[in-house]
């Protein structure tokens, strides 16, 4: 089957369009997630310190997806902001 036969020439419905937009957004969001090692470098602490903070509930918010611990840059920034001293 040729590629032109697989691609619909009809305009997308609103639901299809919204789903496509959401899928692109979620892919972009996943690309912005940082692994623990990257987050530790960003925060200027060791990987083991970050792991310790996680286990004690003292660190930044994180997501656990499968076996991976991932951090959003916005959550890392919020964590740093919460530690600012006047």
N, C-alpha and C. Protein backbone atom coordinates (compact mmCIF):
# COMPACT_ATOMS: atom_id res chain seq x y z
N UNK A 1 0.85 -1.17 0.00
CA UNK A 1 0.00 0.00 0.00
C UNK A 1 0.90 1.24 0.00
N UNK A 2 0.60 2.16 -0.85
CA UNK A 2 1.40 3.38 -0.97
C UNK A 2 1.10 4.32 0.21
N UNK A 3 2.09 5.13 0.56
CA UNK A 3 1.93 6.07 1.67
C UNK A 3 0.75 7.01 1.43
N UNK A 4 0.56 7.43 0.20
CA UNK A 4 -0.54 8.35 -0.10
C UNK A 4 -1.90 7.71 0.20
N UNK A 5 -1.97 6.39 0.12
CA UNK A 5 -3.23 5.72 0.43
C UNK A 5 -3.47 5.65 1.93
N UNK A 6 -2.38 5.67 2.73
CA UNK A 6 -2.52 5.57 4.17
C UNK A 6 -2.88 6.90 4.81
N UNK A 7 -2.49 7.99 4.19
CA UNK A 7 -2.74 9.32 4.74
C UNK A 7 -4.08 9.83 4.24
N UNK A 8 -4.94 10.14 5.17
CA UNK A 8 -6.26 10.63 4.81
C UNK A 8 -6.17 12.07 4.31
N UNK A 9 -6.90 12.35 3.26
CA UNK A 9 -6.95 13.69 2.71
C UNK A 9 -8.06 14.52 3.37
N UNK A 10 -8.90 13.86 4.16
CA UNK A 10 -10.01 14.55 4.80
C UNK A 10 -9.51 15.34 6.01
N UNK A 11 -10.14 16.48 6.29
CA UNK A 11 -9.73 17.26 7.46
C UNK A 11 -10.01 16.48 8.75
N UNK A 12 -9.19 16.73 9.73
CA UNK A 12 -9.37 16.06 11.02
C UNK A 12 -10.60 16.60 11.75
N UNK A 13 -11.23 15.73 12.50
CA UNK A 13 -12.34 16.18 13.34
C UNK A 13 -11.74 16.92 14.54
N UNK A 14 -12.56 17.61 15.27
CA UNK A 14 -12.09 18.35 16.45
C UNK A 14 -11.48 17.39 17.47
N UNK A 15 -12.07 16.21 17.65
CA UNK A 15 -11.56 15.24 18.61
C UNK A 15 -10.18 14.75 18.16
N UNK A 16 -10.04 14.41 16.89
CA UNK A 16 -8.75 13.95 16.38
C UNK A 16 -7.70 15.05 16.52
N UNK A 17 -8.08 16.27 16.24
CA UNK A 17 -7.15 17.39 16.34
C UNK A 17 -6.71 17.59 17.79
N UNK A 18 -7.67 17.55 18.71
CA UNK A 18 -7.36 17.73 20.13
C UNK A 18 -6.45 16.61 20.62
N UNK A 19 -6.71 15.38 20.19
CA UNK A 19 -5.88 14.25 20.59
C UNK A 19 -4.46 14.42 20.06
N UNK A 20 -4.33 14.85 18.81
CA UNK A 20 -3.01 15.05 18.21
C UNK A 20 -2.25 16.14 18.95
N UNK A 21 -2.94 17.24 19.29
CA UNK A 21 -2.30 18.32 20.04
C UNK A 21 -1.85 17.84 21.41
N UNK A 22 -2.70 17.05 22.08
CA UNK A 22 -2.37 16.54 23.41
C UNK A 22 -1.18 15.58 23.33
N UNK A 23 -1.14 14.76 22.30
CA UNK A 23 -0.04 13.82 22.13
C UNK A 23 1.27 14.57 21.92
N UNK A 24 1.24 15.62 21.11
CA UNK A 24 2.46 16.42 20.88
C UNK A 24 2.90 17.08 22.18
N UNK A 25 1.94 17.56 22.96
CA UNK A 25 2.26 18.22 24.22
C UNK A 25 2.89 17.22 25.19
N UNK A 26 2.34 16.02 25.28
CA UNK A 26 2.87 15.04 26.22
C UNK A 26 4.26 14.57 25.80
N UNK A 27 4.51 14.48 24.50
CA UNK A 27 5.85 14.11 24.03
C UNK A 27 6.84 15.20 24.40
N UNK A 28 6.45 16.45 24.20
CA UNK A 28 7.33 17.56 24.56
C UNK A 28 7.58 17.58 26.06
N UNK A 29 6.55 17.29 26.85
CA UNK A 29 6.72 17.27 28.30
C UNK A 29 7.66 16.15 28.72
N UNK A 30 7.54 14.98 28.10
CA UNK A 30 8.45 13.87 28.45
C UNK A 30 9.87 14.20 28.08
N UNK A 31 10.07 14.91 26.99
CA UNK A 31 11.43 15.27 26.59
C UNK A 31 12.06 16.23 27.57
N UNK A 32 11.25 17.00 28.29
CA UNK A 32 11.80 17.96 29.23
C UNK A 32 12.11 17.34 30.58
N UNK A 33 11.70 16.11 30.82
CA UNK A 33 11.99 15.45 32.09
C UNK A 33 13.48 15.18 32.21
N UNK A 34 13.99 15.31 33.43
CA UNK A 34 15.41 15.11 33.70
C UNK A 34 15.61 13.88 34.56
N UNK A 35 16.63 13.11 34.25
CA UNK A 35 16.98 11.94 35.05
C UNK A 35 17.60 12.41 36.36
N UNK A 36 17.70 11.51 37.33
CA UNK A 36 18.23 11.85 38.65
C UNK A 36 19.64 12.43 38.57
N UNK A 37 20.48 11.84 37.75
CA UNK A 37 21.86 12.34 37.63
C UNK A 37 21.89 13.78 37.12
N UNK A 38 21.05 14.09 36.15
CA UNK A 38 20.97 15.45 35.61
C UNK A 38 20.41 16.41 36.67
N UNK A 39 19.41 15.95 37.41
CA UNK A 39 18.82 16.78 38.46
C UNK A 39 19.85 17.07 39.55
N UNK A 40 20.65 16.08 39.90
CA UNK A 40 21.69 16.28 40.92
C UNK A 40 22.70 17.32 40.46
N UNK A 41 23.12 17.25 39.22
CA UNK A 41 24.06 18.24 38.68
C UNK A 41 23.42 19.63 38.70
N UNK A 42 22.17 19.72 38.29
CA UNK A 42 21.46 21.00 38.27
C UNK A 42 21.40 21.61 39.67
N UNK A 43 21.14 20.78 40.68
CA UNK A 43 21.02 21.27 42.05
C UNK A 43 22.37 21.44 42.73
N UNK A 44 23.42 20.89 42.14
CA UNK A 44 24.74 21.01 42.73
C UNK A 44 24.97 20.09 43.91
N UNK A 45 24.31 18.95 43.89
CA UNK A 45 24.48 17.96 44.96
C UNK A 45 24.84 16.61 44.34
N UNK A 46 25.28 15.69 45.14
CA UNK A 46 25.60 14.36 44.64
C UNK A 46 24.35 13.55 44.37
N UNK A 47 24.51 12.55 43.53
CA UNK A 47 23.40 11.66 43.20
C UNK A 47 22.87 10.98 44.46
N UNK A 48 23.77 10.56 45.33
CA UNK A 48 23.34 9.86 46.55
C UNK A 48 22.58 10.81 47.49
N UNK A 49 22.96 12.08 47.51
CA UNK A 49 22.23 13.07 48.32
C UNK A 49 20.81 13.22 47.80
N UNK A 50 20.67 13.30 46.50
CA UNK A 50 19.34 13.42 45.90
C UNK A 50 18.49 12.19 46.22
N UNK A 51 19.10 11.03 46.14
CA UNK A 51 18.39 9.79 46.47
C UNK A 51 17.97 9.77 47.95
N UNK A 52 18.84 10.24 48.82
CA UNK A 52 18.54 10.32 50.24
C UNK A 52 17.38 11.28 50.50
N UNK A 53 17.43 12.47 49.87
CA UNK A 53 16.35 13.43 50.02
C UNK A 53 15.02 12.83 49.58
N UNK A 54 15.06 12.08 48.47
CA UNK A 54 13.84 11.45 47.96
C UNK A 54 13.26 10.49 48.97
N UNK A 55 14.12 9.67 49.57
CA UNK A 55 13.63 8.66 50.52
C UNK A 55 13.11 9.30 51.80
N UNK A 56 13.62 10.48 52.13
CA UNK A 56 13.18 11.19 53.34
C UNK A 56 12.03 12.16 53.06
N UNK A 57 11.67 12.33 51.77
CA UNK A 57 10.60 13.24 51.39
C UNK A 57 11.00 14.70 51.48
N UNK A 58 12.30 15.00 51.41
CA UNK A 58 12.78 16.37 51.55
C UNK A 58 13.11 17.04 50.22
N UNK A 59 13.21 16.31 49.18
CA UNK A 59 13.67 16.86 47.91
C UNK A 59 12.56 17.42 47.05
N UNK A 60 12.90 17.62 45.80
CA UNK A 60 11.96 18.13 44.80
C UNK A 60 10.91 17.08 44.47
N UNK A 61 9.79 17.53 43.94
CA UNK A 61 8.80 16.59 43.40
C UNK A 61 9.44 15.80 42.28
N UNK A 62 8.99 14.57 42.08
CA UNK A 62 9.53 13.73 41.02
C UNK A 62 8.46 12.77 40.54
N UNK A 63 8.73 12.19 39.39
CA UNK A 63 7.83 11.17 38.84
C UNK A 63 8.59 9.86 38.77
N UNK A 64 7.93 8.78 39.10
CA UNK A 64 8.53 7.46 38.98
C UNK A 64 7.79 6.74 37.86
N UNK A 65 8.49 6.54 36.76
CA UNK A 65 7.89 5.92 35.58
C UNK A 65 8.70 4.66 35.30
N UNK A 66 8.03 3.52 35.46
CA UNK A 66 8.76 2.26 35.34
C UNK A 66 9.78 2.22 36.47
N UNK A 67 11.02 2.02 36.14
CA UNK A 67 12.08 2.03 37.14
C UNK A 67 12.84 3.33 37.18
N UNK A 68 12.40 4.33 36.40
CA UNK A 68 13.13 5.59 36.31
C UNK A 68 12.51 6.66 37.20
N UNK A 69 13.38 7.43 37.84
CA UNK A 69 12.96 8.59 38.61
C UNK A 69 13.27 9.80 37.75
N UNK A 70 12.25 10.61 37.47
CA UNK A 70 12.41 11.75 36.57
C UNK A 70 11.91 13.02 37.23
N UNK A 71 12.56 14.13 36.90
CA UNK A 71 12.24 15.43 37.47
C UNK A 71 11.85 16.40 36.37
N UNK A 72 10.83 17.22 36.62
CA UNK A 72 10.47 18.31 35.71
C UNK A 72 11.33 19.52 36.07
N UNK A 73 11.85 20.23 35.08
CA UNK A 73 12.65 21.42 35.37
C UNK A 73 11.90 22.44 36.24
N UNK A 74 10.61 22.60 36.02
CA UNK A 74 9.82 23.55 36.82
C UNK A 74 9.80 23.15 38.29
N UNK A 75 9.74 21.85 38.57
CA UNK A 75 9.75 21.38 39.96
C UNK A 75 11.12 21.60 40.60
N UNK A 76 12.18 21.42 39.83
CA UNK A 76 13.52 21.69 40.35
C UNK A 76 13.67 23.17 40.66
N UNK A 77 13.17 24.03 39.77
CA UNK A 77 13.22 25.48 40.01
C UNK A 77 12.42 25.86 41.25
N UNK A 78 11.26 25.25 41.43
CA UNK A 78 10.42 25.54 42.60
C UNK A 78 11.12 25.09 43.88
N UNK A 79 11.80 23.96 43.82
CA UNK A 79 12.54 23.47 44.98
C UNK A 79 13.65 24.45 45.36
N UNK A 80 14.39 24.92 44.36
CA UNK A 80 15.45 25.89 44.61
C UNK A 80 14.85 27.17 45.19
N UNK A 81 13.75 27.63 44.62
CA UNK A 81 13.10 28.86 45.10
C UNK A 81 12.64 28.71 46.55
N UNK A 82 12.21 27.51 46.92
CA UNK A 82 11.75 27.30 48.31
C UNK A 82 12.91 27.34 49.31
N UNK A 83 14.13 27.22 48.81
CA UNK A 83 15.30 27.22 49.68
C UNK A 83 15.99 28.58 49.75
N UNK A 84 15.45 29.58 49.06
CA UNK A 84 16.06 30.92 49.09
C UNK A 84 15.97 31.51 50.49
N UNK A 85 17.06 32.15 50.89
CA UNK A 85 17.12 32.79 52.20
C UNK A 85 17.26 34.29 51.98
N UNK A 86 16.46 35.06 52.71
CA UNK A 86 16.50 36.52 52.54
C UNK A 86 17.75 37.13 53.15
